[in-house]
Amino acid sequence: MPKLLNRFTLSLIWALTLSFTAQFAVAATKEEFPAKPALTGTTFNGKAFKLNTGKGDVVLVAFWATWCPTCRAEMPAFSKFYEENKKAGFELVAVSIDDEMTDIDEYVKTSNWMSKNKQSFPSLWRNAGNYKDNFGKVYATPTAFLIGRDGKVLESFKGEIKPEQWAHIKAAISATGAGSAHTKS
């Protein structure tokens, strides 16, 4: 009888585990994006910023932190990609999720890609008093959201953006004809 009970118990535990795993997998893969992405605040160099997805640009909103080694290593690649693609209708917005602005200030002193006085793309601090967005909780850094020319979030990237993902972003920039859809204001 104990052997039968053990088998039954193990079978029940296995079935419950599979059921829980299946439910979790469905929940984990279903990522909901804001219908109309919104982001406002002040850039590191003191300029008011409002995400404008109505210009027809492809936008990458990248959440990062100074304490994240992957983020710090990846920022020069973000900057380079932005410089190479901004004329084709690409925008990049970097949002620090650091707890304190002093962490960002310290990082700026040692960074060779970032300067508060000379920003090639908007950089904001998510914990600033006037900062608002509707991207929800960012659980991993870096996390980036790719917004298409139609203003809708196409997908997100968690962790380091791999070369094939950069190629995918490049294809999104090229695919919709930057010349016709892109207008600078």
Protein backbone atom coordinates (compact mmCIF):
# COMPACT_ATOMS: atom_id res chain seq x y z
CA MET A 1 0.00 0.00 0.00
CA PRO A 2 2.78 2.57 0.79
CA LYS A 3 4.35 1.90 -2.62
CA LEU A 4 1.01 2.57 -4.34
CA LEU A 5 0.53 5.72 -2.28
CA ASN A 6 4.04 6.94 -3.19
CA ARG A 7 3.37 6.36 -6.90
CA PHE A 8 0.04 8.14 -6.65
CA THR A 9 1.63 11.05 -4.75
CA LEU A 10 4.48 11.30 -7.25
CA SER A 11 2.02 11.18 -10.16
CA LEU A 12 -0.09 13.88 -8.56
CA ILE A 13 2.95 16.08 -7.91
CA TRP A 14 4.15 15.54 -11.49
CA ALA A 15 0.73 16.45 -12.92
CA LEU A 16 0.47 19.57 -10.77
CA THR A 17 4.01 20.58 -11.72
CA LEU A 18 3.26 20.20 -15.42
CA SER A 19 0.02 22.13 -15.05
CA PHE A 20 1.72 24.94 -13.12
CA THR A 21 4.65 25.04 -15.58
CA ALA A 22 2.29 25.23 -18.55
CA GLN A 23 0.29 28.05 -16.97
CA PHE A 24 3.46 29.93 -16.04
CA ALA A 25 4.94 29.50 -19.52
CA VAL A 26 1.83 30.96 -21.11
CA ALA A 27 1.82 33.86 -18.67
CA ALA A 28 5.55 34.47 -19.09
CA THR A 29 5.43 34.53 -22.89
CA LYS A 30 2.42 36.84 -23.10
CA GLU A 31 3.91 40.29 -22.88
CA GLU A 32 1.53 43.19 -23.07
CA PHE A 33 2.70 46.46 -24.56
CA PRO A 34 1.09 49.86 -24.16
CA ALA A 35 -1.33 50.60 -27.03
CA LYS A 36 0.19 54.05 -27.41
CA PRO A 37 3.63 54.33 -25.79
CA ALA A 38 4.05 57.48 -23.70
CA LEU A 39 7.13 58.92 -22.02
CA THR A 40 7.78 62.45 -20.71
CA GLY A 41 10.41 64.01 -18.50
CA THR A 42 13.57 66.07 -18.53
CA THR A 43 16.77 64.98 -20.23
CA PHE A 44 20.07 64.86 -18.38
CA ASN A 45 20.98 68.18 -19.98
CA GLY A 46 17.80 69.87 -18.68
CA LYS A 47 15.60 69.87 -21.78
CA ALA A 48 11.93 68.92 -21.62
CA PHE A 49 11.24 65.67 -23.46
CA LYS A 50 8.09 64.02 -24.74
CA LEU A 51 8.16 60.81 -26.79
CA ASN A 52 6.69 61.60 -30.19
CA THR A 53 5.68 58.42 -31.98
CA GLY A 54 3.66 60.42 -34.51
CA LYS A 55 6.75 61.50 -36.51
CA GLY A 56 7.01 58.16 -38.27
CA ASP A 57 10.37 57.22 -36.75
CA VAL A 58 11.39 53.80 -35.49
CA VAL A 59 12.16 54.34 -31.81
CA LEU A 60 14.14 52.23 -29.38
CA VAL A 61 13.44 53.04 -25.72
CA ALA A 62 16.23 51.46 -23.66
CA PHE A 63 15.95 51.08 -19.89
CA TRP A 64 19.34 50.69 -18.21
CA ALA A 65 21.21 51.28 -14.95
CA THR A 66 24.73 52.35 -14.04
CA TRP A 67 25.10 49.33 -11.73
CA CYS A 68 24.34 46.93 -14.61
CA PRO A 69 27.58 45.74 -16.27
CA THR A 70 25.75 44.63 -19.43
CA CYS A 71 24.12 48.06 -19.70
CA ARG A 72 27.41 49.92 -19.30
CA ALA A 73 29.11 47.67 -21.86
CA GLU A 74 26.27 48.06 -24.33
CA MET A 75 25.80 51.84 -24.22
CA PRO A 76 28.61 52.62 -26.70
CA ALA A 77 26.93 50.21 -29.17
CA PHE A 78 23.60 52.02 -28.64
CA SER A 79 25.29 55.35 -29.30
CA LYS A 80 27.08 54.07 -32.43
CA PHE A 81 23.90 52.47 -33.83
CA TYR A 82 22.00 55.70 -33.21
CA GLU A 83 24.60 57.83 -35.02
CA GLU A 84 24.62 55.42 -37.99
CA ASN A 85 20.81 55.32 -38.32
CA LYS A 86 19.34 58.62 -37.12
CA LYS A 87 19.13 60.07 -40.64
CA ALA A 88 17.12 57.02 -41.74
CA GLY A 89 14.35 57.78 -39.25
CA PHE A 90 15.64 56.15 -36.07
CA GLU A 91 15.36 57.58 -32.57
CA LEU A 92 16.93 56.27 -29.39
CA VAL A 93 15.81 57.18 -25.87
CA ALA A 94 17.85 55.94 -22.91
CA VAL A 95 16.11 55.80 -19.53
CA SER A 96 18.13 55.19 -16.38
CA ILE A 97 16.35 53.29 -13.62
CA ASP A 98 19.03 54.10 -11.03
CA ASP A 99 17.71 54.88 -7.56
CA GLU A 100 19.74 58.07 -7.13
CA MET A 101 20.73 60.78 -9.60
CA THR A 102 24.13 60.87 -7.90
CA ASP A 103 24.77 57.35 -9.30
CA ILE A 104 24.28 58.73 -12.80
CA ASP A 105 26.41 61.80 -12.02
CA GLU A 106 29.28 59.56 -10.90
CA TYR A 107 28.93 57.37 -13.98
CA VAL A 108 28.97 60.40 -16.31
CA LYS A 109 32.36 61.42 -14.85
CA THR A 110 33.95 58.12 -15.91
CA SER A 111 31.99 57.46 -19.09
CA ASN A 112 33.55 58.20 -22.45
CA TRP A 113 30.23 58.02 -24.33
CA MET A 114 27.96 60.13 -22.15
CA SER A 115 28.03 63.78 -21.29
CA LYS A 116 25.21 65.78 -19.74
CA ASN A 117 26.14 68.79 -21.85
CA LYS A 118 26.38 67.00 -25.17
CA GLN A 119 23.75 64.33 -25.66
CA SER A 120 23.36 62.88 -29.12
CA PHE A 121 20.13 61.15 -28.05
CA PRO A 122 17.74 61.86 -25.16
CA SER A 123 18.71 60.34 -21.81
CA LEU A 124 16.32 60.55 -18.87
CA TRP A 125 16.10 59.39 -15.26
CA ARG A 126 12.99 57.31 -14.50
CA ASN A 127 12.91 58.35 -10.83
CA ALA A 128 12.78 62.10 -11.53
CA GLY A 129 9.74 63.88 -10.14
CA ASN A 130 8.41 64.91 -13.55
CA TYR A 131 9.12 61.62 -15.33
CA LYS A 132 6.17 59.54 -16.55
CA ASP A 133 5.83 56.54 -18.85
CA ASN A 134 3.43 53.67 -19.49
CA PHE A 135 5.94 50.88 -20.14
CA GLY A 136 5.18 49.20 -16.81
CA LYS A 137 7.64 47.61 -14.42
CA VAL A 138 11.06 46.90 -15.90
CA TYR A 139 12.20 43.63 -14.35
CA ALA A 140 15.50 43.17 -16.14
CA THR A 141 18.23 45.50 -17.29
CA PRO A 142 18.81 46.28 -19.98
CA THR A 143 15.30 46.14 -21.41
CA ALA A 144 14.51 47.87 -24.69
CA PHE A 145 11.22 48.42 -26.48
CA LEU A 146 11.16 48.75 -30.28
CA ILE A 147 8.43 51.08 -31.51
CA GLY A 148 7.50 50.94 -35.19
CA ARG A 149 6.79 53.86 -37.50
CA ASP A 150 3.08 53.39 -36.77
CA GLY A 151 3.70 54.26 -33.10
CA LYS A 152 3.05 50.75 -31.76
CA VAL A 153 5.48 48.65 -29.74
CA LEU A 154 6.68 45.86 -32.01
CA GLU A 155 8.68 43.89 -29.47
CA SER A 156 11.00 44.08 -26.51
CA PHE A 157 14.56 42.93 -25.91
CA LYS A 158 15.73 41.82 -22.48
CA GLY A 159 19.43 41.62 -21.81
CA GLU A 160 22.16 42.44 -24.28
CA ILE A 161 20.95 43.08 -27.82
CA LYS A 162 22.61 40.44 -29.98
CA PRO A 163 23.95 41.12 -33.52
CA GLU A 164 20.96 39.41 -35.14
CA GLN A 165 18.62 41.60 -33.07
CA TRP A 166 20.48 44.74 -34.17
CA ALA A 167 20.03 43.47 -37.75
CA HIS A 168 16.31 43.05 -37.04
CA ILE A 169 16.09 46.64 -35.73
CA LYS A 170 17.98 47.83 -38.82
CA ALA A 171 15.50 45.93 -41.02
CA ALA A 172 12.59 47.63 -39.22
CA ILE A 173 14.18 51.01 -39.96
CA SER A 174 14.70 50.14 -43.64
CA ALA A 175 11.49 48.17 -44.23
CA THR A 176 8.98 50.98 -44.14
CA GLY A 177 10.76 53.42 -46.40
CA ALA A 178 12.31 56.10 -44.26
CA GLY A 179 12.12 58.63 -47.07
CA SER A 180 8.34 58.64 -47.31
CA ALA A 181 7.34 58.03 -43.70
CA HIS A 182 10.03 60.01 -41.91
CA THR A 183 9.49 63.67 -41.30
CA LYS A 184 11.59 65.82 -39.01
CA SER A 185 9.90 68.55 -37.06
